[in-house]
């Protein structure tokens, strides 16, 4: 099978645009078009329907059916090329979010970094939508995200959930772990960490979403940087609250009216790299060891 043709076809299938596919592959548009025509000639069928402009196209029924085949063939080709490498070791590329790197995944990383036999480990931090793209292109082998999506080539598994709690600076006037009702929290002193749609709906039930004095933050690290007096408060995942307590004088409090738990999803390609399969097993082992039941 024409290997560069497979790679080109998959880029075209992702983008449905010759120029964007060429940009992803760092090729000239004419080269992309030529490779695509050669692949179609080898298969004896058209894979794309060109529009009036050379850059506009869509997949034919045969092209749509060939996407799944091409994914598997391309994966097998890449693995066959790795056979040329001597002393091959386990490898694993992980995509994740900054918020998960901060408090949830460090124990897993530490175990992976000291595992024997050695695992060649790469961690890429980005945003949730980008993680799905990285998995689809096999640029990472596994990713952890807060976003649940349906994708024909990606397995999505809810792998962890944790409650949200109130985090405040330690004070002798408050008893830690005492239930706190949302009505007793002054929105003028909130440090609001952005969350998912279900959390926002819950939050807007208790506090005016148009409140102008609220501080809005997008990472847990910033919450800890801003939380500096007894009046301030933030609602954070339990793992973040535990990390905060280990780093400074903070107390956590459960909510009398619970918001939705934060759900973490593990996403992997339906046809993972052969060289990553053993690494994924090791990752799953350490994930269960450190995080399952850690509530």
C-alpha atoms as a PDB file:
ATOM      1  CA  UNK A   1       0.000   0.000   0.000  1.00  0.00           C
ATOM      2  CA  UNK A   2       1.226   3.473  -0.900  1.00  0.00           C
ATOM      3  CA  UNK A   3       2.190   4.659   2.603  1.00  0.00           C
ATOM      4  CA  UNK A   4       2.563   8.393   1.941  1.00  0.00           C
ATOM      5  CA  UNK A   5      -0.727   8.229   0.077  1.00  0.00           C
ATOM      6  CA  UNK A   6      -2.393   6.878   3.218  1.00  0.00           C
ATOM      7  CA  UNK A   7      -1.001   9.690   5.318  1.00  0.00           C
ATOM      8  CA  UNK A   8      -2.122  12.230   2.740  1.00  0.00           C
ATOM      9  CA  UNK A   9      -5.603  10.755   2.441  1.00  0.00           C
ATOM     10  CA  UNK A  10      -6.091  10.809   6.207  1.00  0.00           C
ATOM     11  CA  UNK A  11      -5.049  14.470   6.364  1.00  0.00           C
ATOM     12  CA  UNK A  12      -7.503  15.297   3.582  1.00  0.00           C
ATOM     13  CA  UNK A  13     -10.256  13.296   5.294  1.00  0.00           C
ATOM     14  CA  UNK A  14      -9.688  15.255   8.512  1.00  0.00           C
ATOM     15  CA  UNK A  15      -9.669  18.691   6.936  1.00  0.00           C
ATOM     16  CA  UNK A  16     -11.740  18.253   3.749  1.00  0.00           C
ATOM     17  CA  UNK A  17      -9.492  20.940   2.359  1.00  0.00           C
ATOM     18  CA  UNK A  18      -6.381  20.524   0.200  1.00  0.00           C
ATOM     19  CA  UNK A  19      -4.582  23.611   1.497  1.00  0.00           C
ATOM     20  CA  UNK A  20      -5.148  22.749   5.170  1.00  0.00           C
ATOM     21  CA  UNK A  21      -4.064  19.154   4.559  1.00  0.00           C
ATOM     22  CA  UNK A  22      -0.927  20.423   2.826  1.00  0.00           C
ATOM     23  CA  UNK A  23      -0.194  22.712   5.777  1.00  0.00           C
ATOM     24  CA  UNK A  24      -0.546  19.824   8.253  1.00  0.00           C
ATOM     25  CA  UNK A  25       1.814  17.667   6.184  1.00  0.00           C
ATOM     26  CA  UNK A  26       4.237  20.520   5.390  1.00  0.00           C
ATOM     27  CA  UNK A  27       3.814  19.813   1.668  1.00  0.00           C
ATOM     28  CA  UNK A  28       2.888  21.768  -1.427  1.00  0.00           C
ATOM     29  CA  UNK A  29      -0.767  21.538  -2.433  1.00  0.00           C
ATOM     30  CA  UNK A  30       0.262  20.043  -5.771  1.00  0.00           C
ATOM     31  CA  UNK A  31       2.094  17.247  -3.952  1.00  0.00           C
ATOM     32  CA  UNK A  32      -0.979  16.465  -1.859  1.00  0.00           C
ATOM     33  CA  UNK A  33      -3.154  16.316  -4.974  1.00  0.00           C
ATOM     34  CA  UNK A  34      -0.642  14.073  -6.767  1.00  0.00           C
ATOM     35  CA  UNK A  35      -0.367  11.636  -3.848  1.00  0.00           C
ATOM     36  CA  UNK A  36      -4.129  11.462  -3.584  1.00  0.00           C
ATOM     37  CA  UNK A  37      -4.512  10.684  -7.290  1.00  0.00           C
ATOM     38  CA  UNK A  38      -1.842   7.959  -7.085  1.00  0.00           C
ATOM     39  CA  UNK A  39      -3.649   6.338  -4.154  1.00  0.00           C
ATOM     40  CA  UNK A  40      -6.957   6.438  -6.007  1.00  0.00           C
ATOM     41  CA  UNK A  41      -5.303   4.884  -9.062  1.00  0.00           C
ATOM     42  CA  UNK A  42      -3.858   2.092  -6.918  1.00  0.00           C
ATOM     43  CA  UNK A  43      -7.242   1.389  -5.336  1.00  0.00           C
ATOM     44  CA  UNK A  44      -9.116   1.737  -8.603  1.00  0.00           C
ATOM     45  CA  UNK A  45     -11.758   4.035  -7.164  1.00  0.00           C
ATOM     46  CA  UNK A  46     -12.326   7.709  -6.352  1.00  0.00           C
ATOM     47  CA  UNK A  47     -11.973   8.641  -2.688  1.00  0.00           C
ATOM     48  CA  UNK A  48     -12.915  12.322  -2.891  1.00  0.00           C
ATOM     49  CA  UNK A  49     -15.283  14.472  -4.888  1.00  0.00           C
ATOM     50  CA  UNK A  50     -13.626  17.706  -5.973  1.00  0.00           C
ATOM     51  CA  UNK A  51     -15.725  20.835  -6.028  1.00  0.00           C
ATOM     52  CA  UNK A  52     -15.381  23.631  -8.528  1.00  0.00           C
ATOM     53  CA  UNK A  53     -12.379  24.896  -6.613  1.00  0.00           C
ATOM     54  CA  UNK A  54      -9.414  22.543  -6.285  1.00  0.00           C
ATOM     55  CA  UNK A  55      -9.389  23.159  -2.529  1.00  0.00           C
ATOM     56  CA  UNK A  56     -13.034  22.220  -1.949  1.00  0.00           C
ATOM     57  CA  UNK A  57     -13.890  18.528  -1.668  1.00  0.00           C
ATOM     58  CA  UNK A  58     -15.830  15.868   0.160  1.00  0.00           C
ATOM     59  CA  UNK A  59     -15.384  12.137   0.599  1.00  0.00           C
ATOM     60  CA  UNK A  60     -17.119   9.719  -1.734  1.00  0.00           C
ATOM     61  CA  UNK A  61     -18.942   6.750  -0.164  1.00  0.00           C
ATOM     62  CA  UNK A  62     -15.833   4.679  -0.925  1.00  0.00           C
ATOM     63  CA  UNK A  63     -13.684   7.369   0.708  1.00  0.00           C
ATOM     64  CA  UNK A  64     -15.798   7.366   3.866  1.00  0.00           C
ATOM     65  CA  UNK A  65     -15.493   3.580   4.055  1.00  0.00           C
ATOM     66  CA  UNK A  66     -11.755   3.733   3.406  1.00  0.00           C
ATOM     67  CA  UNK A  67     -11.048   6.076   6.364  1.00  0.00           C
ATOM     68  CA  UNK A  68     -11.226   3.242   8.896  1.00  0.00           C
ATOM     69  CA  UNK A  69      -9.092   0.959   6.688  1.00  0.00           C
ATOM     70  CA  UNK A  70      -6.528   3.697   6.122  1.00  0.00           C
ATOM     71  CA  UNK A  71      -6.236   4.360   9.863  1.00  0.00           C
ATOM     72  CA  UNK A  72      -5.394   0.724  10.514  1.00  0.00           C
ATOM     73  CA  UNK A  73      -3.039   0.389   7.543  1.00  0.00           C
ATOM     74  CA  UNK A  74      -1.217   3.574   8.444  1.00  0.00           C
ATOM     75  CA  UNK A  75      -0.756   2.387  12.020  1.00  0.00           C
ATOM     76  CA  UNK A  76       0.618  -0.953  10.817  1.00  0.00           C
ATOM     77  CA  UNK A  77       2.982   0.794   8.427  1.00  0.00           C
ATOM     78  CA  UNK A  78       4.344   3.037  11.162  1.00  0.00           C
ATOM     79  CA  UNK A  79       4.883   0.072  13.443  1.00  0.00           C
ATOM     80  CA  UNK A  80       6.677  -1.868  10.718  1.00  0.00           C
ATOM     81  CA  UNK A  81       9.099   1.024  10.286  1.00  0.00           C
ATOM     82  CA  UNK A  82       9.921   0.893  14.000  1.00  0.00           C
ATOM     83  CA  UNK A  83      11.165  -2.668  13.557  1.00  0.00           C
ATOM     84  CA  UNK A  84      14.278  -1.126  12.056  1.00  0.00           C
ATOM     85  CA  UNK A  85      15.120   0.445  15.412  1.00  0.00           C
ATOM     86  CA  UNK A  86      17.327  -1.627  17.670  1.00  0.00           C
ATOM     87  CA  UNK A  87      16.813  -1.830  21.447  1.00  0.00           C
ATOM     88  CA  UNK A  88      13.233  -0.667  21.238  1.00  0.00           C
ATOM     89  CA  UNK A  89      11.750   0.394  24.572  1.00  0.00           C
ATOM     90  CA  UNK A  90       8.250   1.071  25.789  1.00  0.00           C
ATOM     91  CA  UNK A  91       6.956   4.475  24.823  1.00  0.00           C
ATOM     92  CA  UNK A  92       3.934   6.498  25.809  1.00  0.00           C
ATOM     93  CA  UNK A  93       2.732   9.976  24.836  1.00  0.00           C
ATOM     94  CA  UNK A  94       0.147  11.489  27.192  1.00  0.00           C
ATOM     95  CA  UNK A  95      -2.024  14.509  26.498  1.00  0.00           C
ATOM     96  CA  UNK A  96      -3.677  16.289  29.380  1.00  0.00           C
ATOM     97  CA  UNK A  97      -4.886  19.546  30.899  1.00  0.00           C
ATOM     98  CA  UNK A  98      -3.008  21.950  33.118  1.00  0.00           C
ATOM     99  CA  UNK A  99      -5.615  21.542  35.866  1.00  0.00           C
ATOM    100  CA  UNK A 100      -5.127  17.755  35.932  1.00  0.00           C
ATOM    101  CA  UNK A 101      -1.344  18.048  35.893  1.00  0.00           C
ATOM    102  CA  UNK A 102      -1.466  20.247  38.964  1.00  0.00           C
ATOM    103  CA  UNK A 103      -3.217  18.014  41.482  1.00  0.00           C
ATOM    104  CA  UNK A 104      -4.530  14.750  40.047  1.00  0.00           C
ATOM    105  CA  UNK A 105      -1.893  13.096  37.880  1.00  0.00           C
ATOM    106  CA  UNK A 106       1.491  13.755  39.613  1.00  0.00           C
ATOM    107  CA  UNK A 107       1.497  10.398  41.499  1.00  0.00           C
ATOM    108  CA  UNK A 108       0.868   8.581  38.212  1.00  0.00           C
ATOM    109  CA  UNK A 109       3.672  10.485  36.477  1.00  0.00           C
ATOM    110  CA  UNK A 110       6.083   9.707  39.294  1.00  0.00           C
ATOM    111  CA  UNK A 111       5.391   5.974  39.041  1.00  0.00           C
ATOM    112  CA  UNK A 112       5.690   5.992  35.256  1.00  0.00           C
ATOM    113  CA  UNK A 113       9.011   7.855  35.392  1.00  0.00           C
ATOM    114  CA  UNK A 114      10.571   5.214  37.684  1.00  0.00           C
ATOM    115  CA  UNK A 115       8.958   2.150  36.091  1.00  0.00           C
ATOM    116  CA  UNK A 116      11.159  -0.747  35.005  1.00  0.00           C
ATOM    117  CA  UNK A 117      11.605  -1.536  32.192  1.00  0.00           C
ATOM    118  CA  UNK A 118      12.022   2.121  31.296  1.00  0.00           C
ATOM    119  CA  UNK A 119       9.195   3.927  29.513  1.00  0.00           C
ATOM    120  CA  UNK A 120      10.009   6.707  27.078  1.00  0.00           C
ATOM    121  CA  UNK A 121       7.457   9.218  28.349  1.00  0.00           C
ATOM    122  CA  UNK A 122       6.136  12.419  26.766  1.00  0.00           C
ATOM    123  CA  UNK A 123       3.495  14.683  28.335  1.00  0.00           C
ATOM    124  CA  UNK A 124       1.720  17.330  26.251  1.00  0.00           C
ATOM    125  CA  UNK A 125      -0.466  19.947  27.953  1.00  0.00           C
ATOM    126  CA  UNK A 126      -3.175  21.657  25.911  1.00  0.00           C
ATOM    127  CA  UNK A 127      -6.935  22.348  25.855  1.00  0.00           C
ATOM    128  CA  UNK A 128      -9.658  19.688  25.758  1.00  0.00           C
ATOM    129  CA  UNK A 129     -10.709  20.095  22.080  1.00  0.00           C
ATOM    130  CA  UNK A 130      -7.063  19.858  20.980  1.00  0.00           C
ATOM    131  CA  UNK A 131      -6.652  16.584  22.856  1.00  0.00           C
ATOM    132  CA  UNK A 132      -9.200  14.881  20.602  1.00  0.00           C
ATOM    133  CA  UNK A 133      -7.289  16.091  17.535  1.00  0.00           C
ATOM    134  CA  UNK A 134      -3.991  14.794  18.953  1.00  0.00           C
ATOM    135  CA  UNK A 135      -5.530  11.384  19.616  1.00  0.00           C
ATOM    136  CA  UNK A 136      -7.063  11.216  16.136  1.00  0.00           C
ATOM    137  CA  UNK A 137      -3.677  11.978  14.547  1.00  0.00           C
ATOM    138  CA  UNK A 138      -1.950   9.555  16.970  1.00  0.00           C
ATOM    139  CA  UNK A 139       0.346  12.309  18.181  1.00  0.00           C
ATOM    140  CA  UNK A 140      -0.502  11.150  21.697  1.00  0.00           C
ATOM    141  CA  UNK A 141      -1.467   7.631  22.774  1.00  0.00           C
ATOM    142  CA  UNK A 142      -3.812   8.578  25.593  1.00  0.00           C
ATOM    143  CA  UNK A 143      -5.307  11.810  26.865  1.00  0.00           C
ATOM    144  CA  UNK A 144      -7.177  12.924  29.962  1.00  0.00           C
ATOM    145  CA  UNK A 145      -9.854  15.551  29.439  1.00  0.00           C
ATOM    146  CA  UNK A 146     -12.930  17.077  31.060  1.00  0.00           C
ATOM    147  CA  UNK A 147     -14.776  17.119  27.730  1.00  0.00           C
ATOM    148  CA  UNK A 148     -16.886  14.152  26.617  1.00  0.00           C
ATOM    149  CA  UNK A 149     -17.304  13.823  22.866  1.00  0.00           C
ATOM    150  CA  UNK A 150     -18.408  11.160  20.403  1.00  0.00           C
ATOM    151  CA  UNK A 151     -15.841  10.347  17.723  1.00  0.00           C
ATOM    152  CA  UNK A 152     -15.811   7.348  15.351  1.00  0.00           C
ATOM    153  CA  UNK A 153     -12.082   6.653  15.869  1.00  0.00           C
ATOM    154  CA  UNK A 154     -11.736   7.470  19.572  1.00  0.00           C
ATOM    155  CA  UNK A 155     -12.662   5.491  22.681  1.00  0.00           C
ATOM    156  CA  UNK A 156     -14.003   7.686  25.468  1.00  0.00           C
ATOM    157  CA  UNK A 157     -14.115   6.331  29.024  1.00  0.00           C
ATOM    158  CA  UNK A 158     -15.120   8.115  32.219  1.00  0.00           C
ATOM    159  CA  UNK A 159     -12.198   7.147  34.403  1.00  0.00           C
ATOM    160  CA  UNK A 160     -12.505   9.378  37.466  1.00  0.00           C
ATOM    161  CA  UNK A 161     -14.873  11.729  39.239  1.00  0.00           C
ATOM    162  CA  UNK A 162     -14.498  13.798  42.361  1.00  0.00           C
ATOM    163  CA  UNK A 163     -16.647  16.158  44.432  1.00  0.00           C
ATOM    164  CA  UNK A 164     -16.293  19.915  44.438  1.00  0.00           C
ATOM    165  CA  UNK A 165     -15.538  21.551  47.786  1.00  0.00           C
ATOM    166  CA  UNK A 166     -15.099  25.037  49.200  1.00  0.00           C
ATOM    167  CA  UNK A 167     -11.500  26.118  49.731  1.00  0.00           C
ATOM    168  CA  UNK A 168     -10.601  28.951  52.104  1.00  0.00           C
ATOM    169  CA  UNK A 169      -7.581  30.142  54.033  1.00  0.00           C
ATOM    170  CA  UNK A 170      -7.284  28.531  57.460  1.00  0.00           C
ATOM    171  CA  UNK A 171      -8.993  30.449  60.260  1.00  0.00           C
ATOM    172  CA  UNK A 172      -9.506  29.675  63.971  1.00  0.00           C
ATOM    173  CA  UNK A 173     -13.076  30.969  63.579  1.00  0.00           C
ATOM    174  CA  UNK A 174     -14.054  28.144  61.219  1.00  0.00           C
ATOM    175  CA  UNK A 175     -14.226  24.377  61.767  1.00  0.00           C
ATOM    176  CA  UNK A 176     -12.801  22.455  58.845  1.00  0.00           C
ATOM    177  CA  UNK A 177     -15.069  19.922  57.113  1.00  0.00           C
ATOM    178  CA  UNK A 178     -18.181  21.649  58.457  1.00  0.00           C
ATOM    179  CA  UNK A 179     -20.999  21.766  55.893  1.00  0.00           C
ATOM    180  CA  UNK A 180     -21.298  25.082  54.079  1.00  0.00           C
ATOM    181  CA  UNK A 181     -24.475  26.198  52.339  1.00  0.00           C
ATOM    182  CA  UNK A 182     -24.077  28.195  49.095  1.00  0.00           C
ATOM    183  CA  UNK A 183     -26.365  30.899  50.516  1.00  0.00           C
ATOM    184  CA  UNK A 184     -23.777  31.580  53.230  1.00  0.00           C
ATOM    185  CA  UNK A 185     -21.020  32.364  50.718  1.00  0.00           C
ATOM    186  CA  UNK A 186     -20.664  36.003  49.722  1.00  0.00           C
ATOM    187  CA  UNK A 187     -20.192  36.297  45.925  1.00  0.00           C
ATOM    188  CA  UNK A 188     -18.243  39.539  46.449  1.00  0.00           C
ATOM    189  CA  UNK A 189     -15.378  37.424  47.769  1.00  0.00           C
ATOM    190  CA  UNK A 190     -15.538  34.497  45.352  1.00  0.00           C
ATOM    191  CA  UNK A 191     -12.605  33.371  43.232  1.00  0.00           C
ATOM    192  CA  UNK A 192     -14.512  31.745  40.389  1.00  0.00           C
ATOM    193  CA  UNK A 193     -12.709  28.931  38.588  1.00  0.00           C
ATOM    194  CA  UNK A 194     -14.334  28.202  35.245  1.00  0.00           C
ATOM    195  CA  UNK A 195     -15.834  24.739  34.840  1.00  0.00           C
ATOM    196  CA  UNK A 196     -18.089  22.731  32.565  1.00  0.00           C
ATOM    197  CA  UNK A 197     -21.623  23.531  31.465  1.00  0.00           C
ATOM    198  CA  UNK A 198     -23.332  21.517  34.230  1.00  0.00           C
ATOM    199  CA  UNK A 199     -21.253  23.244  36.919  1.00  0.00           C
ATOM    200  CA  UNK A 200     -22.084  26.670  35.479  1.00  0.00           C
ATOM    201  CA  UNK A 201     -25.809  25.848  35.536  1.00  0.00           C
ATOM    202  CA  UNK A 202     -25.552  24.834  39.181  1.00  0.00           C
ATOM    203  CA  UNK A 203     -23.481  27.908  40.029  1.00  0.00           C
ATOM    204  CA  UNK A 204     -25.934  30.289  38.331  1.00  0.00           C
ATOM    205  CA  UNK A 205     -28.757  28.873  40.459  1.00  0.00           C
ATOM    206  CA  UNK A 206     -27.113  30.261  43.575  1.00  0.00           C
ATOM    207  CA  UNK A 207     -25.294  33.394  42.416  1.00  0.00           C
ATOM    208  CA  UNK A 208     -26.079  36.004  39.808  1.00  0.00           C
ATOM    209  CA  UNK A 209     -23.964  35.210  36.709  1.00  0.00           C
ATOM    210  CA  UNK A 210     -23.836  38.909  35.876  1.00  0.00           C
ATOM    211  CA  UNK A 211     -22.179  39.787  39.166  1.00  0.00           C
ATOM    212  CA  UNK A 212     -19.411  42.176  38.091  1.00  0.00           C
ATOM    213  CA  UNK A 213     -17.072  41.953  41.076  1.00  0.00           C
ATOM    214  CA  UNK A 214     -16.392  38.233  40.780  1.00  0.00           C
ATOM    215  CA  UNK A 215     -12.793  37.231  40.007  1.00  0.00           C
ATOM    216  CA  UNK A 216     -12.661  34.664  37.197  1.00  0.00           C
ATOM    217  CA  UNK A 217      -9.699  32.298  36.917  1.00  0.00           C
ATOM    218  CA  UNK A 218      -8.981  29.443  34.525  1.00  0.00           C
ATOM    219  CA  UNK A 219      -6.444  27.369  36.484  1.00  0.00           C
ATOM    220  CA  UNK A 220      -6.218  25.923  39.980  1.00  0.00           C
ATOM    221  CA  UNK A 221      -2.753  27.389  40.451  1.00  0.00           C
ATOM    222  CA  UNK A 222      -4.197  30.890  40.106  1.00  0.00           C
ATOM    223  CA  UNK A 223      -6.806  30.145  42.763  1.00  0.00           C
ATOM    224  CA  UNK A 224      -4.037  29.427  45.260  1.00  0.00           C
ATOM    225  CA  UNK A 225      -2.191  32.575  44.212  1.00  0.00           C
ATOM    226  CA  UNK A 226      -5.260  34.779  44.757  1.00  0.00           C
ATOM    227  CA  UNK A 227      -6.617  33.130  47.918  1.00  0.00           C
ATOM    228  CA  UNK A 228      -4.952  35.268  50.572  1.00  0.00           C
ATOM    229  CA  UNK A 229      -7.509  36.438  53.156  1.00  0.00           C
ATOM    230  CA  UNK A 230     -10.190  34.883  55.340  1.00  0.00           C
ATOM    231  CA  UNK A 231     -13.130  36.354  53.425  1.00  0.00           C
ATOM    232  CA  UNK A 232     -12.205  34.880  50.063  1.00  0.00           C
ATOM    233  CA  UNK A 233     -13.421  31.488  48.923  1.00  0.00           C
ATOM    234  CA  UNK A 234     -13.360  29.235  45.872  1.00  0.00           C
ATOM    235  CA  UNK A 235     -15.098  26.054  44.799  1.00  0.00           C
ATOM    236  CA  UNK A 236     -12.511  23.582  43.540  1.00  0.00           C
ATOM    237  CA  UNK A 237     -12.178  19.839  42.884  1.00  0.00           C
ATOM    238  CA  UNK A 238     -11.285  17.776  45.949  1.00  0.00           C
ATOM    239  CA  UNK A 239      -7.847  16.901  44.554  1.00  0.00           C
ATOM    240  CA  UNK A 240      -7.015  20.600  44.210  1.00  0.00           C
ATOM    241  CA  UNK A 241      -8.130  21.255  47.788  1.00  0.00           C
ATOM    242  CA  UNK A 242      -5.932  18.435  49.051  1.00  0.00           C
ATOM    243  CA  UNK A 243      -2.964  19.762  47.090  1.00  0.00           C
ATOM    244  CA  UNK A 244      -3.593  23.256  48.500  1.00  0.00           C
ATOM    245  CA  UNK A 245      -3.619  21.917  52.049  1.00  0.00           C
ATOM    246  CA  UNK A 246      -0.297  20.203  51.459  1.00  0.00           C
ATOM    247  CA  UNK A 247       1.254  23.484  50.276  1.00  0.00           C
ATOM    248  CA  UNK A 248      -0.145  26.062  52.680  1.00  0.00           C
ATOM    249  CA  UNK A 249      -2.602  27.035  55.368  1.00  0.00           C
ATOM    250  CA  UNK A 250      -5.911  26.178  53.742  1.00  0.00           C
ATOM    251  CA  UNK A 251      -9.093  24.457  54.891  1.00  0.00           C
ATOM    252  CA  UNK A 252     -11.714  22.627  52.829  1.00  0.00           C
ATOM    253  CA  UNK A 253     -15.453  22.433  53.437  1.00  0.00           C
ATOM    254  CA  UNK A 254     -18.115  20.204  51.832  1.00  0.00           C
ATOM    255  CA  UNK A 255     -21.170  21.900  50.349  1.00  0.00           C
ATOM    256  CA  UNK A 256     -24.647  21.297  51.746  1.00  0.00           C
ATOM    257  CA  UNK A 257     -26.002  21.592  48.184  1.00  0.00           C
ATOM    258  CA  UNK A 258     -23.586  19.622  46.069  1.00  0.00           C
ATOM    259  CA  UNK A 259     -22.600  20.787  42.589  1.00  0.00           C
ATOM    260  CA  UNK A 260     -22.025  18.158  39.880  1.00  0.00           C
ATOM    261  CA  UNK A 261     -18.849  16.196  40.424  1.00  0.00           C
ATOM    262  CA  UNK A 262     -15.919  16.895  38.136  1.00  0.00           C
ATOM    263  CA  UNK A 263     -15.652  14.023  35.664  1.00  0.00           C
ATOM    264  CA  UNK A 264     -12.389  13.083  33.971  1.00  0.00           C
ATOM    265  CA  UNK A 265     -12.424  11.157  30.696  1.00  0.00           C
ATOM    266  CA  UNK A 266      -9.666   8.975  29.302  1.00  0.00           C
ATOM    267  CA  UNK A 267      -9.529   8.972  25.513  1.00  0.00           C
ATOM    268  CA  UNK A 268      -7.537   6.616  23.298  1.00  0.00           C
ATOM    269  CA  UNK A 269      -7.461   5.758  19.613  1.00  0.00           C
ATOM    270  CA  UNK A 270      -9.398   2.671  18.568  1.00  0.00           C
ATOM    271  CA  UNK A 271      -6.252   1.460  16.809  1.00  0.00           C
ATOM    272  CA  UNK A 272      -3.361   2.389  19.117  1.00  0.00           C
ATOM    273  CA  UNK A 273       0.276   2.159  18.153  1.00  0.00           C
ATOM    274  CA  UNK A 274       1.577  -1.359  18.813  1.00  0.00           C
ATOM    275  CA  UNK A 275       4.578   0.137  20.590  1.00  0.00           C
ATOM    276  CA  UNK A 276       2.252   1.935  23.015  1.00  0.00           C
ATOM    277  CA  UNK A 277      -0.014  -0.957  23.987  1.00  0.00           C
ATOM    278  CA  UNK A 278       2.217  -2.201  26.805  1.00  0.00           C
ATOM    279  CA  UNK A 279       2.779   1.366  28.016  1.00  0.00           C
ATOM    280  CA  UNK A 280      -0.993   1.897  28.146  1.00  0.00           C
ATOM    281  CA  UNK A 281      -1.342  -1.201  30.327  1.00  0.00           C
ATOM    282  CA  UNK A 282       1.286   0.171  32.709  1.00  0.00           C
ATOM    283  CA  UNK A 283      -0.484   3.536  32.803  1.00  0.00           C
ATOM    284  CA  UNK A 284      -3.818   1.893  33.599  1.00  0.00           C
ATOM    285  CA  UNK A 285      -2.183  -0.037  36.442  1.00  0.00           C
ATOM    286  CA  UNK A 286      -0.752   3.076  38.080  1.00  0.00           C
ATOM    287  CA  UNK A 287      -3.922   5.085  37.484  1.00  0.00           C
ATOM    288  CA  UNK A 288      -5.972   2.495  39.361  1.00  0.00           C
ATOM    289  CA  UNK A 289      -3.308   2.181  42.045  1.00  0.00           C
ATOM    290  CA  UNK A 290      -3.177   5.893  42.825  1.00  0.00           C
ATOM    291  CA  UNK A 291      -6.615   7.241  41.936  1.00  0.00           C
ATOM    292  CA  UNK A 292      -9.326   4.634  42.102  1.00  0.00           C
ATOM    293  CA  UNK A 293     -11.034   5.046  45.452  1.00  0.00           C
ATOM    294  CA  UNK A 294      -8.915   8.105  46.296  1.00  0.00           C
ATOM    295  CA  UNK A 295     -11.806  10.231  47.529  1.00  0.00           C
END
